[in-house]
Amino acid sequence: MKGDRVEIVIDAGGSSRSYEIEATRAGRRVDITHGRGVVEVTEVTRGGAPVRTARFMAGRVLALVEHPATRRSPRDETLVTALHRTA
């Protein structure tokens, strides 16, 4: 879903570095795979075509944090709009 993102923190030899992969458009998602000593984070379209991919050695990954997009129902949006109009 648009807005979903994954933050990857790696050991960069004495310091740490942080990378982010985000689903930038509607209908895209972020997939995470792990195997053979490699962690791969990919932004994927609805049809399954990869848009961007980041690969890291599994031994260097310190943290892998998933940040889901805030999901609001249409009812919540109407309520927020109504509150802003009355204030």
Protein backbone atom coordinates (compact mmCIF):
# COMPACT_ATOMS: atom_id res chain seq x y z
CA MET A 1 0.00 0.00 0.00
CA LYS A 2 1.24 3.50 -0.76
CA GLY A 3 3.09 4.86 2.25
CA ASP A 4 4.29 1.50 3.59
CA ARG A 5 8.02 1.63 4.19
CA VAL A 6 10.81 -0.53 5.51
CA GLU A 7 13.81 0.87 7.35
CA ILE A 8 17.02 -1.16 7.25
CA VAL A 9 19.85 -0.42 9.70
CA ILE A 10 23.21 -2.00 8.86
CA ASP A 11 26.63 -2.20 10.50
CA ALA A 12 29.01 -0.15 8.36
CA GLY A 13 32.24 -1.02 10.14
CA GLY A 14 32.23 0.95 13.36
CA SER A 15 29.10 2.97 12.63
CA SER A 16 25.60 2.24 11.45
CA ARG A 17 23.79 3.36 8.31
CA SER A 18 20.08 3.51 7.70
CA TYR A 19 18.24 2.93 4.42
CA GLU A 20 14.54 3.16 3.56
CA ILE A 21 12.46 1.56 0.84
CA GLU A 22 8.95 2.98 0.46
CA ALA A 23 5.89 2.09 -1.62
CA THR A 24 5.73 5.38 -3.52
CA ARG A 25 2.54 4.97 -5.55
CA ALA A 26 -0.94 3.53 -5.09
CA GLY A 27 -1.05 -0.24 -5.56
CA ARG A 28 2.61 -0.82 -4.79
CA ARG A 29 3.88 -2.83 -1.84
CA VAL A 30 7.18 -3.60 -0.15
CA ASP A 31 8.33 -7.23 -0.02
CA ILE A 32 11.09 -8.61 2.21
CA THR A 33 12.94 -11.84 1.46
CA HIS A 34 15.73 -13.51 3.38
CA GLY A 35 17.84 -16.36 2.15
CA ARG A 36 21.38 -17.56 1.50
CA GLY A 37 22.87 -14.85 3.71
CA VAL A 38 21.14 -11.98 1.90
CA VAL A 39 18.25 -9.76 2.96
CA GLU A 40 16.39 -8.25 0.00
CA VAL A 41 13.79 -5.47 0.25
CA THR A 42 11.84 -4.75 -2.94
CA GLU A 43 9.17 -2.25 -3.96
CA VAL A 44 6.77 -4.20 -6.20
CA THR A 45 3.92 -3.12 -8.51
CA ARG A 46 0.46 -4.72 -8.55
CA GLY A 47 1.57 -6.97 -11.38
CA GLY A 48 4.62 -8.19 -9.47
CA ALA A 49 7.28 -6.25 -11.36
CA PRO A 50 10.08 -4.98 -9.10
CA VAL A 51 10.56 -1.20 -9.14
CA ARG A 52 13.56 -0.88 -6.82
CA THR A 53 15.52 -3.42 -4.83
CA ALA A 54 17.99 -3.15 -1.96
CA ARG A 55 20.19 -6.11 -1.00
CA PHE A 56 22.21 -6.43 2.18
CA MET A 57 24.41 -9.13 3.69
CA ALA A 58 22.36 -10.70 6.48
CA GLY A 59 25.33 -10.64 8.85
CA ARG A 60 25.49 -6.84 8.58
CA VAL A 61 21.79 -6.13 9.20
CA LEU A 62 21.22 -4.78 12.71
CA ALA A 63 17.50 -3.98 12.41
CA LEU A 64 14.72 -4.33 9.88
CA VAL A 65 11.74 -2.18 10.83
CA GLU A 66 8.43 -2.19 8.97
CA HIS A 67 6.40 1.03 9.11
CA PRO A 68 2.86 0.47 7.80
CA ALA A 69 1.05 3.46 6.31
CA THR A 70 -1.67 4.96 8.45
CA ARG A 71 -4.88 3.38 7.28
CA ARG A 72 -7.96 5.52 7.77
CA SER A 73 -11.48 4.54 6.97
CA PRO A 74 -13.58 6.96 4.85
CA ARG A 75 -15.73 7.52 7.94
CA ASP A 76 -12.69 8.80 9.88
CA GLU A 77 -11.84 11.21 7.05
CA THR A 78 -15.38 12.62 7.10
CA LEU A 79 -15.22 13.06 10.87
CA VAL A 80 -11.89 14.90 10.70
CA THR A 81 -13.19 17.20 7.94
CA ALA A 82 -16.36 17.94 9.92
CA LEU A 83 -14.30 18.77 13.03
CA HIS A 84 -12.08 21.17 11.10
CA ARG A 85 -15.09 23.00 9.69
CA THR A 86 -16.67 23.61 13.10
CA ALA A 87 -13.47 24.82 14.76
